[in-house]
Amino acid sequence: MAKCSTLDYVRFRVRLFAPRKNEDEGTIVEVQKRRGDTISFLRDCRAILNAAEGDGVDDAPSEAVPIHIDFGMAIAGDQTMQEESEEDILAEAIQSAVELVGREELDLNVMAFESLVALVDPLKTMPDIALNACKTIVANDSKDKSASEIRGAIAALLRNGSLHDDEGDAIISDFNEILKNLALCLLSKTFANMLNKRCLETAIQDNSEWFLDTLIPSLVDAVKSAKDRPHDALYAAECLSNLACASKVLLRCADEEGALYALKEAKAFGSTHHSSLANATEKGISMLESHF
C-alpha cells in the first residue's frame, strides 16, 4: 500500500491486489481518496489507472492558457459596477487578503493565501497587475503596512509553521501544512515573475535585510526537510534558484547556510520519490557549484 499526497494536498492510498487463481493474469489497482478536492483527486486517479493499464502519461505539459481574474468588476443584479483603475484593484485585493490573514479562522487564512497566489500569477490575473502585486509583496515601503503584514505572515509560517499559537490537533496541523505550502508557492511564483521581468534584483537590494536574515535561512531549512515535506522543499528550491540567479549576495548567503548540501540531499531523495523536486534542485546546485 502506498500513501500519497499531491501538491493540491489531496491524500489517497493506492493498493495492489493479485488476481485469484481462476482469473486472468494481471494486477488489480485500487485508488482510495482519504482527503482533499474531489476534482483534483479524479484527475490524479485517472492518470494512475491509465498508467497501470499501460496507456502512459503525457509528459509534455499542455500549453498554458491565461485565465485572467478581473478583480475590477462586481455584478449586482443586472447592473455592472464601474471598472476601477489597476492601482485600486491591486490595493483592494491586497487589503482583502491582509484582513483574512489577520483572522483567527484557519480556513480564511487559507483563502487569503490562495487569493494572493492567484494575484501574482500572470496566467490568472492581468499581467501588469500580477507584476505590481509581486513588487508590492516584496517591496520595502514604510508607507505600505499591508505588504509588511503579508511578509510577516510568511515569515511566521516559514519559521514556526503556523500563523497563530495553535495547539495542534490533526485538523489544525493539516491547515498549517497547507498554509506553509501556500506561502512558499506564493514566493516561488513571485520571484519567478519578477526574475522574468528583470526587476527581482532591484527588489532584493531595496529590502536586503528581509531576504538575508529571514528568507534565505528559512528556505534552506525547508529544503533540508525534503524527506518529510517534499512539496515545501520543491517551492523552496525554486525560490533559492531564482534568488541566487538575481543576486550574488544571496547566492553567497545561501552557500553559507548550507544550501548546496541541502539541495543535493533533496535531489537524491527526489530522484526516487519526487521527480519535480529533483528537477527543481538542479539549477541551484549548478549555480552554487560553479561559483564556490
Protein backbone atom coordinates (compact mmCIF):
# COMPACT_ATOMS: atom_id res chain seq x y z
CA MET A 1 0.00 0.00 0.00
CA ALA A 2 1.24 3.50 -0.87
CA LYS A 3 0.07 6.62 0.96
CA CYS A 4 0.14 9.62 -1.37
CA SER A 5 -0.19 13.39 -1.00
CA THR A 6 -0.31 15.71 -4.02
CA LEU A 7 0.68 19.36 -4.42
CA ASP A 8 -3.03 20.14 -4.10
CA TYR A 9 -2.97 18.40 -0.71
CA VAL A 10 -5.21 15.62 -1.88
CA ARG A 11 -4.45 12.47 0.08
CA PHE A 12 -5.17 9.00 -1.19
CA ARG A 13 -4.00 5.41 -0.92
CA VAL A 14 -3.02 3.05 -3.69
CA ARG A 15 -3.37 -0.69 -3.14
CA LEU A 16 -2.30 -3.51 -5.47
CA PHE A 17 -4.04 -6.88 -5.37
CA ALA A 18 -3.01 -10.12 -7.05
CA PRO A 19 -5.78 -11.82 -9.07
CA ARG A 20 -7.40 -15.07 -7.98
CA LYS A 21 -6.05 -18.28 -9.38
CA ASN A 22 -9.01 -18.82 -11.69
CA GLU A 23 -8.80 -15.29 -13.14
CA ASP A 24 -6.67 -13.94 -15.94
CA GLU A 25 -3.22 -12.71 -15.10
CA GLY A 26 -2.93 -9.10 -14.07
CA THR A 27 -2.92 -6.82 -11.05
CA ILE A 28 -5.91 -5.07 -9.53
CA VAL A 29 -5.23 -1.41 -8.70
CA GLU A 30 -7.37 0.38 -6.11
CA VAL A 31 -7.10 4.14 -5.54
CA GLN A 32 -8.94 5.35 -2.45
CA LYS A 33 -9.40 9.02 -1.63
CA ARG A 34 -8.82 10.00 2.00
CA ARG A 35 -8.98 13.79 1.96
CA GLY A 36 -8.99 16.78 -0.40
CA ASP A 37 -10.61 18.15 -3.52
CA THR A 38 -12.60 15.56 -5.48
CA ILE A 39 -11.89 17.01 -8.93
CA SER A 40 -8.15 17.06 -8.30
CA PHE A 41 -8.32 13.50 -6.96
CA LEU A 42 -10.18 12.26 -10.04
CA ARG A 43 -7.53 13.79 -12.31
CA ASP A 44 -4.72 12.04 -10.42
CA CYS A 45 -6.69 8.81 -10.14
CA ARG A 46 -7.28 8.73 -13.89
CA ALA A 47 -3.57 9.24 -14.54
CA ILE A 48 -2.64 6.39 -12.17
CA LEU A 49 -5.14 3.96 -13.68
CA ASN A 50 -4.14 4.89 -17.23
CA ALA A 51 -0.52 4.20 -16.37
CA ALA A 52 -1.48 0.88 -14.75
CA GLU A 53 -3.25 -0.13 -17.97
CA GLY A 54 -0.18 0.74 -19.99
CA ASP A 55 -1.57 3.88 -21.59
CA GLY A 56 1.17 6.00 -20.08
CA VAL A 57 1.12 9.64 -19.09
CA ASP A 58 1.72 12.52 -21.45
CA ASP A 59 4.98 14.08 -20.21
CA ALA A 60 4.58 17.17 -22.36
CA PRO A 61 2.53 19.73 -20.44
CA SER A 62 -0.34 21.23 -22.32
CA GLU A 63 0.03 24.84 -23.37
CA ALA A 64 -0.94 27.14 -20.53
CA VAL A 65 -3.94 29.27 -21.39
CA PRO A 66 -4.22 32.52 -19.45
CA ILE A 67 -7.37 32.73 -17.35
CA HIS A 68 -7.45 36.30 -16.12
CA ILE A 69 -9.35 37.10 -12.97
CA ASP A 70 -10.97 40.50 -13.26
CA PHE A 71 -10.86 41.97 -9.77
CA GLY A 72 -12.25 45.25 -11.05
CA MET A 73 -15.82 44.23 -11.85
CA ALA A 74 -18.63 43.49 -9.45
CA ILE A 75 -22.07 42.33 -10.51
CA ALA A 76 -25.13 43.39 -8.52
CA GLY A 77 -28.36 42.16 -10.06
CA ASP A 78 -28.38 43.34 -13.68
CA GLN A 79 -26.10 46.32 -13.08
CA THR A 80 -22.33 46.27 -13.59
CA MET A 81 -20.25 48.45 -11.30
CA GLN A 82 -17.85 50.88 -12.95
CA GLU A 83 -14.43 49.41 -13.63
CA GLU A 84 -11.73 50.60 -11.27
CA SER A 85 -8.14 51.51 -12.07
CA GLU A 86 -5.46 48.82 -11.84
CA GLU A 87 -3.99 50.56 -8.78
CA ASP A 88 -7.34 50.44 -6.99
CA ILE A 89 -7.88 46.81 -7.98
CA LEU A 90 -4.50 45.80 -6.60
CA ALA A 91 -4.89 47.81 -3.39
CA GLU A 92 -8.31 46.29 -2.68
CA ALA A 93 -7.12 42.75 -3.41
CA ILE A 94 -4.07 43.13 -1.15
CA GLN A 95 -6.12 44.72 1.64
CA SER A 96 -8.74 41.97 1.46
CA ALA A 97 -6.02 39.33 1.76
CA VAL A 98 -4.43 41.12 4.71
CA GLU A 99 -7.76 41.22 6.53
CA LEU A 100 -8.25 37.49 6.02
CA VAL A 101 -4.67 36.72 7.09
CA GLY A 102 -5.34 38.54 10.36
CA ARG A 103 -8.39 36.43 11.18
CA GLU A 104 -8.14 33.51 13.60
CA GLU A 105 -10.12 31.14 11.37
CA LEU A 106 -7.62 28.95 9.52
CA ASP A 107 -9.89 28.39 6.52
CA LEU A 108 -9.98 32.16 5.99
CA ASN A 109 -6.20 32.28 6.24
CA VAL A 110 -6.02 29.64 3.50
CA MET A 111 -8.42 31.66 1.36
CA ALA A 112 -6.18 34.71 1.77
CA PHE A 113 -3.05 32.96 0.57
CA GLU A 114 -4.90 31.26 -2.28
CA SER A 115 -6.06 34.68 -3.48
CA LEU A 116 -2.51 36.04 -3.25
CA VAL A 117 -1.12 33.10 -5.21
CA ALA A 118 -3.66 33.81 -7.97
CA LEU A 119 -2.95 37.53 -7.79
CA VAL A 120 0.78 37.18 -8.59
CA ASP A 121 0.23 34.63 -11.37
CA PRO A 122 0.20 36.33 -14.82
CA LEU A 123 -1.77 33.38 -16.22
CA LYS A 124 -4.63 34.01 -13.79
CA THR A 125 -4.51 37.78 -13.33
CA MET A 126 -3.85 40.61 -15.75
CA PRO A 127 -0.05 40.56 -16.29
CA ASP A 128 0.51 44.17 -15.19
CA ILE A 129 -1.48 43.65 -12.00
CA ALA A 130 0.35 40.39 -11.32
CA LEU A 131 3.75 42.05 -11.62
CA ASN A 132 2.75 45.02 -9.45
CA ALA A 133 1.38 42.59 -6.86
CA CYS A 134 4.75 40.83 -6.80
CA LYS A 135 6.55 44.13 -6.32
CA THR A 136 4.14 45.17 -3.58
CA ILE A 137 4.63 41.97 -1.60
CA VAL A 138 8.44 42.18 -1.51
CA ALA A 139 8.87 45.97 -1.55
CA ASN A 140 10.37 47.78 1.42
CA ASP A 141 7.78 50.55 1.56
CA SER A 142 7.37 52.05 5.02
CA LYS A 143 4.05 53.61 3.94
CA ASP A 144 2.52 50.29 2.88
CA LYS A 145 1.65 48.37 6.03
CA SER A 146 -0.25 45.74 4.04
CA ALA A 147 2.90 44.43 2.36
CA SER A 148 4.78 44.24 5.66
CA GLU A 149 1.91 42.30 7.24
CA ILE A 150 1.97 39.78 4.40
CA ARG A 151 5.72 39.35 4.75
CA GLY A 152 5.29 38.97 8.50
CA ALA A 153 2.73 36.22 7.96
CA ILE A 154 5.06 34.46 5.51
CA ALA A 155 7.94 34.70 7.98
CA ALA A 156 5.79 33.25 10.78
CA LEU A 157 4.75 30.30 8.60
CA LEU A 158 8.29 29.57 7.43
CA ARG A 159 9.83 29.88 10.90
CA ASN A 160 7.12 28.50 13.16
CA GLY A 161 4.89 26.52 10.80
CA SER A 162 1.79 28.44 11.87
CA LEU A 163 0.23 31.91 11.92
CA HIS A 164 -1.22 31.55 15.39
CA ASP A 165 -0.23 29.89 18.65
CA ASP A 166 -2.18 26.77 17.78
CA GLU A 167 -2.27 23.73 19.99
CA GLY A 168 -2.33 21.40 17.03
CA ASP A 169 -4.74 18.58 16.65
CA ALA A 170 -4.77 16.74 13.33
CA ILE A 171 -7.10 19.21 11.60
CA ILE A 172 -5.13 22.28 12.70
CA SER A 173 -1.88 20.61 11.67
CA ASP A 174 -3.31 19.95 8.21
CA PHE A 175 -4.34 23.58 7.83
CA ASN A 176 -0.90 24.78 8.93
CA GLU A 177 0.78 22.46 6.43
CA ILE A 178 -1.37 23.88 3.65
CA LEU A 179 -0.70 27.46 4.76
CA LYS A 180 3.07 26.99 4.80
CA ASN A 181 2.97 25.36 1.38
CA LEU A 182 0.85 28.21 0.00
CA ALA A 183 3.30 30.75 1.43
CA LEU A 184 6.19 29.02 -0.34
CA CYS A 185 4.14 28.74 -3.54
CA LEU A 186 3.41 32.48 -3.32
CA LEU A 187 7.13 33.26 -3.01
CA SER A 188 8.04 30.90 -5.84
CA LYS A 189 5.57 32.48 -8.28
CA THR A 190 6.51 35.99 -7.13
CA PHE A 191 10.24 35.52 -7.66
CA ALA A 192 9.79 33.71 -10.97
CA ASN A 193 7.61 36.51 -12.33
CA MET A 194 9.97 39.25 -11.14
CA LEU A 195 13.05 37.45 -12.44
CA ASN A 196 11.39 37.07 -15.83
CA LYS A 197 10.64 40.81 -15.87
CA ARG A 198 14.18 41.70 -14.70
CA CYS A 199 13.11 43.52 -11.54
CA LEU A 200 13.95 40.98 -8.84
CA GLU A 201 17.50 42.24 -8.26
CA THR A 202 16.26 45.76 -7.51
CA ALA A 203 13.69 44.45 -5.04
CA ILE A 204 16.39 42.44 -3.27
CA GLN A 205 18.62 45.50 -2.96
CA ASP A 206 15.78 47.61 -1.58
CA ASN A 207 14.81 45.03 1.06
CA SER A 208 18.05 43.12 1.57
CA GLU A 209 17.65 42.64 5.34
CA TRP A 210 14.44 40.61 4.94
CA PHE A 211 15.97 38.45 2.23
CA LEU A 212 19.27 37.85 4.05
CA ASP A 213 18.15 37.46 7.66
CA THR A 214 14.70 35.91 7.28
CA LEU A 215 14.10 34.40 3.88
CA ILE A 216 17.28 32.59 2.86
CA PRO A 217 17.72 30.69 6.18
CA SER A 218 14.05 29.67 6.15
CA LEU A 219 14.20 28.49 2.54
CA VAL A 220 17.30 26.39 3.21
CA ASP A 221 15.58 24.84 6.24
CA ALA A 222 12.59 23.97 4.05
CA VAL A 223 14.87 22.22 1.56
CA LYS A 224 16.55 20.33 4.39
CA SER A 225 13.14 18.93 5.35
CA ALA A 226 12.59 17.42 1.89
CA LYS A 227 12.11 13.87 3.19
CA ASP A 228 9.28 14.94 5.49
CA ARG A 229 7.76 17.74 3.36
CA PRO A 230 8.82 17.33 -0.27
CA HIS A 231 6.17 19.71 -1.61
CA ASP A 232 7.55 22.53 0.56
CA ALA A 233 11.09 21.68 -0.49
CA LEU A 234 10.07 21.89 -4.15
CA TYR A 235 8.92 25.50 -3.88
CA ALA A 236 11.81 26.42 -1.58
CA ALA A 237 14.33 25.05 -4.11
CA GLU A 238 12.68 27.09 -6.88
CA CYS A 239 12.88 30.20 -4.69
CA LEU A 240 16.55 29.68 -3.89
CA SER A 241 17.42 29.16 -7.55
CA ASN A 242 15.67 32.33 -8.69
CA LEU A 243 17.05 34.44 -5.85
CA ALA A 244 20.58 33.16 -6.43
CA CYS A 245 20.22 33.93 -10.13
CA ALA A 246 19.24 37.51 -9.35
CA SER A 247 21.76 38.29 -6.61
CA LYS A 248 25.31 37.12 -5.94
CA VAL A 249 24.91 38.37 -2.36
CA LEU A 250 22.02 35.98 -1.79
CA LEU A 251 23.91 33.23 -3.60
CA ARG A 252 26.75 33.59 -1.11
CA CYS A 253 24.31 33.77 1.80
CA ALA A 254 22.64 30.56 0.64
CA ASP A 255 26.02 28.86 0.43
CA GLU A 256 26.87 29.94 3.98
CA GLU A 257 23.56 28.49 5.18
CA GLY A 258 24.42 25.08 3.70
CA ALA A 259 22.17 25.29 0.65
CA LEU A 260 24.38 23.17 -1.59
CA TYR A 261 24.36 20.15 0.73
CA ALA A 262 20.62 20.58 1.37
CA LEU A 263 19.84 20.74 -2.36
CA LYS A 264 21.95 17.66 -3.10
CA GLU A 265 20.20 15.71 -0.36
CA ALA A 266 16.82 16.86 -1.66
CA LYS A 267 17.78 15.86 -5.19
CA ALA A 268 18.84 12.39 -4.03
CA PHE A 269 15.51 11.92 -2.27
CA GLY A 270 13.56 13.41 -5.14
CA SER A 271 15.19 11.15 -7.72
CA THR A 272 13.43 8.16 -6.15
CA HIS A 273 10.35 9.76 -4.60
CA HIS A 274 9.52 13.14 -6.18
CA SER A 275 10.77 13.87 -9.71
CA SER A 276 9.59 17.50 -9.70
CA LEU A 277 11.64 18.14 -6.57
CA ALA A 278 14.72 16.55 -8.14
CA ASN A 279 14.35 18.75 -11.22
CA ALA A 280 13.84 21.90 -9.13
CA THR A 281 17.15 21.42 -7.30
CA GLU A 282 19.35 21.15 -10.39
CA LYS A 283 19.55 24.87 -11.20
CA GLY A 284 20.54 25.84 -7.66
CA ILE A 285 23.11 23.05 -7.39
CA SER A 286 24.67 24.10 -10.69
CA MET A 287 24.91 27.76 -9.66
CA LEU A 288 26.41 27.01 -6.25
CA GLU A 289 28.94 24.55 -7.64
CA SER A 290 30.07 26.94 -10.36
CA HIS A 291 30.61 29.90 -8.02
CA PHE A 292 32.15 28.28 -4.95
